[in-house]
């Protein structure tokens, strides 16, 4: 096989490395989201045990039951009920001016955009976790990251009106909600759209966020028309033996790749939550388009090489260019899949190890075709 095909594969690997390393370790991955969903489903399907804490109409007897009840109220947009899980004592003026239900709504946005809570880490004991280095009446709910700062959110055991201790979101954390919301909020446009359109969610994005995503993709495509159109004009002006294939490449995978890259530059306008960020970290669409572009490039190189063979009087060797190109395409798709799988939060090495036995069986079954392929590459290299 000639160097151009190897060079194409090498360039593809180099371009895929940033995708594999781009996801920040602090950000959630799809694997984390799936685990959180499983935890929520397990909690919902569990047969309720007799409460180990005090009897409470809002089930605030333990840290876990408090967060579960709060999450249910927030999901149902019952902010009046959700406010019952916030410790309203010692509230600052900034929190008091907002009001309990609005604080609960703002907390929902903060949790969606800034924190994936590990339910398994929350205590089922009415006394909470006593060996975590915190005061005995306080448990950690999670840490919210703002640029280079980490802000802890706490649950706290507080006295109910009748003196019975229950768990709520600690007042020290409640006082931070307005400031956190200013950072994690939806912005002026998002505020209007989120209050106007239905609060329905698909893959972590609400209806109004999907509308913005579609708008960004359309805008990205229209912008991508300019550079790809200019390249197509130069191509027609210059003329080429494979002009038709190159024009399809420019108007197809390359234009879509540019559109997605442009749209991604405006993703902050969408204000995605943690779940949506996890799907974005997977780089699914970008990986597919990048692999598609390089598969097209391999085919274009193959066609160009085939024309050179024909011009040099080696027409019989043209048929051998296809297995060499197919090998490169297979390697590109394999690398793309492994990078995508790693970006989802799973370990590609574990997948490869798990497929080891199956791969051995496939290798034995395809031994003869592989021998033919290697022979074809050898002949092609000496043509």
Protein backbone atom coordinates (compact mmCIF):
# COMPACT_ATOMS: atom_id res chain seq x y z
CA UNK A 1 0.00 0.00 0.00
CA UNK A 2 1.31 3.46 -0.92
CA UNK A 3 2.14 6.08 1.74
CA UNK A 4 -0.91 8.33 1.06
CA UNK A 5 -3.30 5.80 2.61
CA UNK A 6 -1.05 5.34 5.63
CA UNK A 7 -0.72 9.12 5.89
CA UNK A 8 -4.50 9.51 5.84
CA UNK A 9 -4.84 6.98 8.65
CA UNK A 10 -2.06 8.67 10.65
CA UNK A 11 -3.65 12.11 10.31
CA UNK A 12 -7.00 10.65 11.40
CA UNK A 13 -5.45 9.17 14.55
CA UNK A 14 -3.81 12.51 15.39
CA UNK A 15 -7.13 14.34 14.96
CA UNK A 16 -9.00 11.81 17.09
CA UNK A 17 -6.61 12.15 20.05
CA UNK A 18 -8.00 15.56 21.14
CA UNK A 19 -11.51 14.09 21.14
CA UNK A 20 -10.33 11.33 23.44
CA UNK A 21 -8.64 13.79 25.79
CA UNK A 22 -11.08 16.72 25.56
CA UNK A 23 -13.54 15.59 28.24
CA UNK A 24 -12.59 17.10 31.60
CA UNK A 25 -12.27 14.60 34.39
CA UNK A 26 -14.59 16.68 36.56
CA UNK A 27 -17.39 16.56 34.00
CA UNK A 28 -19.88 13.70 34.01
CA UNK A 29 -19.90 11.09 31.28
CA UNK A 30 -22.81 9.12 29.84
CA UNK A 31 -21.76 6.23 32.09
CA UNK A 32 -22.28 8.47 35.15
CA UNK A 33 -25.71 9.56 33.90
CA UNK A 34 -26.77 5.97 33.29
CA UNK A 35 -25.65 5.03 36.79
CA UNK A 36 -27.63 7.92 38.28
CA UNK A 37 -30.72 6.86 36.31
CA UNK A 38 -30.28 3.31 37.59
CA UNK A 39 -30.00 4.62 41.14
CA UNK A 40 -33.20 6.63 40.71
CA UNK A 41 -35.04 3.67 39.21
CA UNK A 42 -33.82 1.37 41.97
CA UNK A 43 -34.96 3.87 44.58
CA UNK A 44 -38.38 4.12 42.93
CA UNK A 45 -38.79 0.35 42.62
CA UNK A 46 -37.63 -0.49 46.13
CA UNK A 47 -40.25 -1.79 48.51
CA UNK A 48 -40.54 0.96 51.12
CA UNK A 49 -39.04 -0.03 54.43
CA UNK A 50 -40.48 1.13 57.72
CA UNK A 51 -38.95 4.55 58.33
CA UNK A 52 -35.93 4.36 60.61
CA UNK A 53 -36.25 8.04 61.44
CA UNK A 54 -39.09 10.15 62.76
CA UNK A 55 -42.50 10.00 61.13
CA UNK A 56 -42.75 12.97 58.79
CA UNK A 57 -45.37 13.89 56.20
CA UNK A 58 -42.57 14.86 53.74
CA UNK A 59 -40.39 11.83 54.61
CA UNK A 60 -37.44 13.92 55.79
CA UNK A 61 -36.23 11.46 58.40
CA UNK A 62 -32.87 10.62 56.72
CA UNK A 63 -30.53 12.42 54.29
CA UNK A 64 -31.41 10.00 51.48
CA UNK A 65 -35.19 10.24 51.98
CA UNK A 66 -34.96 14.04 52.10
CA UNK A 67 -33.09 14.25 48.81
CA UNK A 68 -35.41 11.67 47.21
CA UNK A 69 -38.49 13.67 48.24
CA UNK A 70 -36.90 16.93 47.10
CA UNK A 71 -35.98 15.42 43.72
CA UNK A 72 -39.51 14.12 43.21
CA UNK A 73 -41.04 17.52 43.97
CA UNK A 74 -38.59 19.29 41.65
CA UNK A 75 -39.24 16.83 38.82
CA UNK A 76 -42.98 17.43 39.19
CA UNK A 77 -42.34 21.21 39.32
CA UNK A 78 -44.13 21.31 42.68
CA UNK A 79 -41.99 24.10 44.08
CA UNK A 80 -44.31 24.82 46.98
CA UNK A 81 -43.75 21.27 48.20
CA UNK A 82 -40.05 21.40 47.36
CA UNK A 83 -39.64 24.49 49.54
CA UNK A 84 -40.48 22.33 52.56
CA UNK A 85 -37.10 20.63 52.10
CA UNK A 86 -35.16 23.91 52.44
CA UNK A 87 -34.04 25.15 55.85
CA UNK A 88 -35.52 28.65 55.97
CA UNK A 89 -33.82 29.63 59.22
CA UNK A 90 -31.03 32.20 59.10
CA UNK A 91 -31.76 33.09 55.51
CA UNK A 92 -29.96 36.15 54.18
CA UNK A 93 -31.85 39.06 52.65
CA UNK A 94 -30.94 37.91 49.12
CA UNK A 95 -32.56 34.51 49.75
CA UNK A 96 -35.54 35.93 51.67
CA UNK A 97 -36.37 38.34 48.86
CA UNK A 98 -36.68 35.43 46.43
CA UNK A 99 -39.07 33.28 48.45
CA UNK A 100 -39.16 29.56 49.14
CA UNK A 101 -40.82 28.24 45.94
CA UNK A 102 -38.59 30.37 43.69
CA UNK A 103 -35.52 29.25 45.64
CA UNK A 104 -36.59 25.66 45.03
CA UNK A 105 -36.93 26.35 41.29
CA UNK A 106 -33.50 27.96 41.20
CA UNK A 107 -32.05 25.01 43.11
CA UNK A 108 -33.48 22.69 40.47
CA UNK A 109 -31.58 24.57 37.76
CA UNK A 110 -28.38 24.53 39.84
CA UNK A 111 -28.67 20.77 40.41
CA UNK A 112 -29.44 20.11 36.74
CA UNK A 113 -26.54 22.20 35.48
CA UNK A 114 -23.97 21.86 38.23
CA UNK A 115 -24.29 18.62 40.15
CA UNK A 116 -24.98 14.91 39.72
CA UNK A 117 -25.80 13.63 43.21
CA UNK A 118 -24.55 10.16 44.12
CA UNK A 119 -27.56 8.72 45.93
CA UNK A 120 -25.54 5.74 47.14
CA UNK A 121 -23.34 8.13 49.13
CA UNK A 122 -26.29 9.56 51.07
CA UNK A 123 -27.05 8.06 54.46
CA UNK A 124 -30.17 6.05 55.23
CA UNK A 125 -29.55 6.57 58.92
CA UNK A 126 -31.46 9.31 60.76
CA UNK A 127 -28.18 10.24 62.43
CA UNK A 128 -26.43 10.76 59.09
CA UNK A 129 -22.76 9.99 58.47
CA UNK A 130 -20.75 10.56 61.62
CA UNK A 131 -17.20 9.88 60.37
CA UNK A 132 -17.04 12.31 57.44
CA UNK A 133 -15.18 15.08 59.26
CA UNK A 134 -18.28 17.32 59.32
CA UNK A 135 -20.35 18.40 62.30
CA UNK A 136 -22.58 15.48 63.39
CA UNK A 137 -25.75 17.32 62.31
CA UNK A 138 -24.47 17.95 58.76
CA UNK A 139 -23.90 15.70 55.70
CA UNK A 140 -22.41 16.51 52.31
CA UNK A 141 -24.89 16.51 49.42
CA UNK A 142 -22.33 17.24 46.72
CA UNK A 143 -19.84 19.72 45.33
CA UNK A 144 -20.65 22.30 42.67
CA UNK A 145 -17.78 23.45 40.48
CA UNK A 146 -17.57 27.10 39.39
CA UNK A 147 -14.48 27.60 37.25
CA UNK A 148 -11.60 26.86 39.68
CA UNK A 149 -13.75 26.87 42.83
CA UNK A 150 -15.69 24.07 44.48
CA UNK A 151 -18.73 24.93 46.55
CA UNK A 152 -20.08 22.35 48.97
CA UNK A 153 -23.82 21.85 49.35
CA UNK A 154 -25.01 20.29 52.60
CA UNK A 155 -27.94 18.53 54.16
CA UNK A 156 -28.54 19.35 57.83
CA UNK A 157 -30.51 17.85 60.69
CA UNK A 158 -32.76 20.59 62.04
CA UNK A 159 -35.59 20.70 64.59
CA UNK A 160 -39.10 20.56 63.23
CA UNK A 161 -41.80 22.78 64.69
CA UNK A 162 -42.57 20.17 67.35
CA UNK A 163 -38.90 19.73 68.23
CA UNK A 164 -38.41 16.47 66.28
CA UNK A 165 -35.18 16.42 64.21
CA UNK A 166 -35.54 16.09 60.44
CA UNK A 167 -33.19 16.65 57.47
CA UNK A 168 -33.31 19.61 55.10
CA UNK A 169 -31.02 21.44 52.69
CA UNK A 170 -28.79 23.35 55.12
CA UNK A 171 -29.45 27.08 55.50
CA UNK A 172 -25.81 27.82 54.64
CA UNK A 173 -26.43 26.15 51.27
CA UNK A 174 -29.86 27.77 50.82
CA UNK A 175 -28.20 31.19 51.14
CA UNK A 176 -25.88 30.30 48.26
CA UNK A 177 -28.70 29.40 45.84
CA UNK A 178 -29.25 32.94 44.41
CA UNK A 179 -25.52 33.36 43.69
CA UNK A 180 -25.26 29.88 42.21
CA UNK A 181 -28.31 30.55 40.07
CA UNK A 182 -26.72 33.70 38.67
CA UNK A 183 -23.90 31.50 37.41
CA UNK A 184 -25.89 28.43 36.34
CA UNK A 185 -29.10 30.19 35.28
CA UNK A 186 -30.49 30.12 31.76
CA UNK A 187 -29.88 33.77 30.92
CA UNK A 188 -32.52 36.30 29.75
CA UNK A 189 -33.61 34.37 26.65
CA UNK A 190 -33.57 31.02 28.43
CA UNK A 191 -35.58 32.42 31.33
CA UNK A 192 -38.36 33.55 29.02
CA UNK A 193 -38.38 30.35 26.96
CA UNK A 194 -38.17 28.03 29.99
CA UNK A 195 -41.21 29.66 31.57
CA UNK A 196 -43.16 29.74 28.29
CA UNK A 197 -42.58 26.32 26.73
CA UNK A 198 -43.44 22.93 28.29
CA UNK A 199 -40.90 21.55 30.76
CA UNK A 200 -40.33 18.39 28.70
CA UNK A 201 -36.87 16.85 28.44
CA UNK A 202 -35.13 14.64 25.88
CA UNK A 203 -31.52 13.50 26.43
CA UNK A 204 -31.10 16.13 29.11
CA UNK A 205 -32.30 19.03 26.94
CA UNK A 206 -35.63 20.78 27.35
CA UNK A 207 -37.84 21.80 24.43
CA UNK A 208 -36.55 25.37 24.33
CA UNK A 209 -32.95 24.12 24.42
CA UNK A 210 -33.63 21.80 21.49
CA UNK A 211 -34.98 24.77 19.55
CA UNK A 212 -31.73 26.63 20.21
CA UNK A 213 -29.69 23.57 19.19
CA UNK A 214 -31.60 23.32 15.91
CA UNK A 215 -31.08 27.04 15.37
CA UNK A 216 -27.33 26.70 15.97
CA UNK A 217 -27.11 23.76 13.55
CA UNK A 218 -28.99 25.68 10.85
CA UNK A 219 -26.80 28.74 11.41
CA UNK A 220 -23.68 26.56 11.34
CA UNK A 221 -24.77 24.94 8.08
CA UNK A 222 -25.46 28.31 6.44
CA UNK A 223 -22.04 29.59 7.52
CA UNK A 224 -20.38 26.38 6.30
CA UNK A 225 -21.90 26.97 2.87
CA UNK A 226 -19.45 29.86 2.36
CA UNK A 227 -16.05 28.11 2.67
CA UNK A 228 -17.24 24.87 1.04
CA UNK A 229 -18.87 26.88 -1.75
CA UNK A 230 -15.62 28.78 -2.37
CA UNK A 231 -13.67 25.49 -2.45
CA UNK A 232 -16.19 24.01 -4.89
CA UNK A 233 -15.86 27.09 -7.13
CA UNK A 234 -12.04 26.76 -7.21
CA UNK A 235 -12.38 23.02 -7.89
CA UNK A 236 -14.63 23.62 -10.90
CA UNK A 237 -12.32 26.38 -12.11
CA UNK A 238 -9.24 24.18 -11.85
CA UNK A 239 -10.86 21.03 -13.14
CA UNK A 240 -10.06 17.54 -11.92
CA UNK A 241 -10.46 13.96 -13.04
CA UNK A 242 -12.41 13.16 -9.86
CA UNK A 243 -14.28 16.47 -9.74
CA UNK A 244 -17.69 14.85 -9.20
CA UNK A 245 -16.48 12.84 -6.18
CA UNK A 246 -14.71 15.85 -4.66
CA UNK A 247 -17.82 18.01 -5.04
CA UNK A 248 -19.88 15.35 -3.24
CA UNK A 249 -17.28 15.28 -0.47
CA UNK A 250 -17.34 19.08 -0.10
CA UNK A 251 -21.14 19.28 -0.14
CA UNK A 252 -21.65 16.25 2.10
CA UNK A 253 -19.45 15.14 5.01
CA UNK A 254 -17.06 18.12 5.02
CA UNK A 255 -19.86 20.70 5.03
CA UNK A 256 -21.72 18.87 7.80
CA UNK A 257 -18.53 18.57 9.86
CA UNK A 258 -17.92 22.32 9.58
CA UNK A 259 -21.56 23.01 10.49
CA UNK A 260 -21.33 20.92 13.66
CA UNK A 261 -18.01 22.50 14.67
CA UNK A 262 -19.50 25.97 14.22
CA UNK A 263 -22.66 25.01 16.13
CA UNK A 264 -20.59 23.60 19.01
CA UNK A 265 -18.88 26.96 19.43
CA UNK A 266 -22.25 28.40 20.50
CA UNK A 267 -23.28 25.56 22.82
CA UNK A 268 -22.99 27.82 25.89
CA UNK A 269 -26.04 29.72 24.61
CA UNK A 270 -28.06 26.54 25.19
CA UNK A 271 -27.08 26.34 28.89
CA UNK A 272 -27.02 22.52 28.91
CA UNK A 273 -27.48 20.61 32.14
CA UNK A 274 -25.16 17.93 33.50
CA UNK A 275 -27.00 15.16 31.65
CA UNK A 276 -26.79 17.00 28.33
CA UNK A 277 -23.12 17.82 28.98
CA UNK A 278 -22.46 14.13 29.48
CA UNK A 279 -23.95 13.33 26.07
CA UNK A 280 -21.97 16.19 24.52
CA UNK A 281 -18.77 14.82 26.07
CA UNK A 282 -19.45 11.63 24.12
CA UNK A 283 -18.72 13.61 20.92
CA UNK A 284 -21.01 11.16 19.10
CA UNK A 285 -22.01 13.30 16.11
CA UNK A 286 -18.55 14.85 15.78
CA UNK A 287 -16.86 11.44 15.85
CA UNK A 288 -19.23 10.07 13.19
CA UNK A 289 -18.68 13.04 10.88
CA UNK A 290 -14.91 13.02 11.34
CA UNK A 291 -14.76 9.28 10.60
CA UNK A 292 -17.05 9.81 7.58
CA UNK A 293 -14.74 12.51 6.22
CA UNK A 294 -11.68 10.28 6.50
CA UNK A 295 -13.43 7.28 4.98
CA UNK A 296 -14.29 9.54 2.05
CA UNK A 297 -10.68 10.72 1.91
CA UNK A 298 -9.39 7.15 1.74
CA UNK A 299 -11.76 6.44 -1.13
CA UNK A 300 -10.64 9.57 -2.98
CA UNK A 301 -6.99 8.57 -2.52
CA UNK A 302 -7.79 5.08 -3.78
CA UNK A 303 -9.48 6.43 -6.90
CA UNK A 304 -6.55 8.76 -7.59
CA UNK A 305 -4.09 5.94 -7.15
CA UNK A 306 -6.14 3.69 -9.42
CA UNK A 307 -5.97 6.31 -12.18
CA UNK A 308 -2.20 6.50 -11.80
CA UNK A 309 -1.95 2.72 -12.08
CA UNK A 310 -4.07 2.78 -15.23
CA UNK A 311 -1.98 5.58 -16.73
CA UNK A 312 1.20 3.60 -15.96
CA UNK A 313 -0.08 0.49 -17.68
CA UNK A 314 -0.89 -1.46 -14.51
CA UNK A 315 -4.65 -1.77 -15.05
CA UNK A 316 -4.68 -5.31 -13.69
CA UNK A 317 -3.46 -4.03 -10.31
CA UNK A 318 -6.37 -1.63 -9.86
CA UNK A 319 -8.54 -4.33 -8.33
CA UNK A 320 -5.99 -4.67 -5.53
CA UNK A 321 -6.47 -1.07 -4.39
CA UNK A 322 -9.86 -1.88 -2.92
CA UNK A 323 -8.78 -4.34 -0.19
CA UNK A 324 -6.01 -1.95 0.87
CA UNK A 325 -8.47 0.95 1.09
CA UNK A 326 -11.02 -1.20 2.91
CA UNK A 327 -8.41 -2.07 5.53
CA UNK A 328 -7.76 1.63 6.12
CA UNK A 329 -11.51 2.34 6.36
CA UNK A 330 -11.95 -0.48 8.86
CA UNK A 331 -9.11 0.85 11.03
CA UNK A 332 -10.59 4.36 10.90
CA UNK A 333 -14.01 3.12 12.00
CA UNK A 334 -12.46 0.96 14.72
CA UNK A 335 -10.43 3.87 16.13
CA UNK A 336 -13.46 6.15 15.97
CA UNK A 337 -15.58 3.61 17.86
CA UNK A 338 -12.96 3.12 20.58
CA UNK A 339 -12.51 6.88 21.05
CA UNK A 340 -16.29 7.35 21.24
CA UNK A 341 -16.64 4.46 23.69
CA UNK A 342 -13.93 5.97 25.90
CA UNK A 343 -15.62 9.38 25.78
CA UNK A 344 -18.83 7.83 27.07
CA UNK A 345 -16.94 7.03 30.28
CA UNK A 346 -16.35 3.33 29.64
CA UNK A 347 -12.94 1.70 29.38
CA UNK A 348 -12.03 0.74 25.83
CA UNK A 349 -9.30 -1.56 27.18
CA UNK A 350 -11.93 -3.57 29.06
CA UNK A 351 -13.97 -3.90 25.88
CA UNK A 352 -10.94 -5.05 23.93
CA UNK A 353 -10.05 -7.58 26.63
CA UNK A 354 -13.65 -8.81 26.73
CA UNK A 355 -13.62 -9.32 22.97
CA UNK A 356 -10.30 -11.17 23.08
CA UNK A 357 -11.74 -14.68 22.94
CA UNK A 358 -14.31 -13.74 20.32
CA UNK A 359 -11.61 -11.96 18.33
CA UNK A 360 -9.47 -15.08 18.35
CA UNK A 361 -12.34 -17.12 16.94
CA UNK A 362 -12.96 -14.52 14.24
CA UNK A 363 -9.25 -14.43 13.40
CA UNK A 364 -9.14 -18.19 12.94
CA UNK A 365 -12.26 -18.09 10.77
CA UNK A 366 -10.88 -15.30 8.59
CA UNK A 367 -7.30 -16.55 8.33
CA UNK A 368 -7.50 -17.29 4.62
CA UNK A 369 -9.15 -13.97 3.65
CA UNK A 370 -6.50 -12.13 5.68
CA UNK A 371 -3.75 -13.99 3.83
CA UNK A 372 -5.31 -12.89 0.56
CA UNK A 373 -5.57 -9.31 1.80
CA UNK A 374 -1.89 -9.22 2.84
CA UNK A 375 -0.90 -10.70 -0.53
CA UNK A 376 -2.95 -8.01 -2.26
CA UNK A 377 -1.25 -5.25 -0.28
CA UNK A 378 2.19 -6.70 -1.07
CA UNK A 379 1.43 -6.83 -4.78
CA UNK A 380 -0.02 -3.35 -4.68
CA UNK A 381 3.06 -1.94 -2.96
CA UNK A 382 5.34 -3.37 -5.65
CA UNK A 383 3.10 -2.31 -8.56
